[in-house]
Amino acid sequence: MLGLDFSEVGWGEIGIAIIDTLKMLGASAVFTFIIGLPLGIILYLAARSLDRRVHFLYSILSIIVNVLRSVPFIILIVAMIPITRELVGVSMGVLGTIPPLVVGAAPFFARLVETSLSEVDRGVIEAAEGMGASTSQIILRVLLPEARPGLLAAMTITIVTLVSYTAMSGQVGGGGLGDLAIRYGYYRYETEVMLISVFLMVILVQFLQMAGDRLVRHFTRK
C-alpha cells in the first residue's frame, strides 16, 4: 500500500550503523555509571549532612545536576563541540558523540541513584551506625546492597534514555541508526531505511528493558 521496496536496502550499511550504535551505547553507559554512581552517593550523603558547608556543596551540585538535566540533548551536543574536540580530537561520528552522551546522562543517572539510596530503610542504616560502621562501610555494605534493585532499575532507565540520545545525535552526524534514519529517511526520502532503523531501535530498547526488568526482579527481596 505504501509502495515500499526493501530489495534495494543496503544491509551492509545498516549492519555498520548497528555496530556504531552499540559502540556509542556501551562506551557512554560505562562512563555514565562510573561518574553518575559516585555523584549520586555524594548527593545522598551531602543532603543529609548537618554541616552547613557540606549542605552548601549539595546545593551547588544539585543546581549543576538540574541544569545539565534540563538542557535538551541536541543543544548539548552543539554546545559541547569545542570541548568534545579538545577531549577526543573530533566533534562528529561515534567518538565525538560519546562525551555529550556522558554529560547528558550522568547527572540524570546520579539523581536516580540519590533517589534509590533515599528509599533504603533508615532503621537498617541506624543499626549499622550503632555497630560502629564507618561511612564507607555503610555505603558499600548497607546502602548499595539494600538499594540494588532500585539501582538496577535506574541503570535500565538510563541505558534506554541513552538509546534515544544516540538517535538524536544523528541530526549532527553522530553516526549509528539515528544518523542512518535521518540521512536516508529524511534527506533522501528512502522510507524503507528509516522504518528498518526505527524497528531495530525499538527492538534494542525492548531487549534492554526486558533484561533490566529481569535483573530487578531477581534481586528484589520477596
Foldseek 3Di string as FASTA:
>chain_A
DPPADCPPDDVVQQVVLAVLLCLLLVLLLVLLCVQQQVLLVLLLVLCPDPDPVSVVVNVVSVVLLVVLQPDPLLVLLVVCQVVLCVPQVGCAESSNLNVSLSSNLNSVLSNLNNVLLVPFDVVQLVVCVVVPDDPVCCVVPPRCLRSVLSNLVSSLVSSLVSLVSCLSSLVVRRGHLNVQLCVCCPVVVNVVSNVVSVVVSVVVNVVSNVVSVVVSVVSDDD
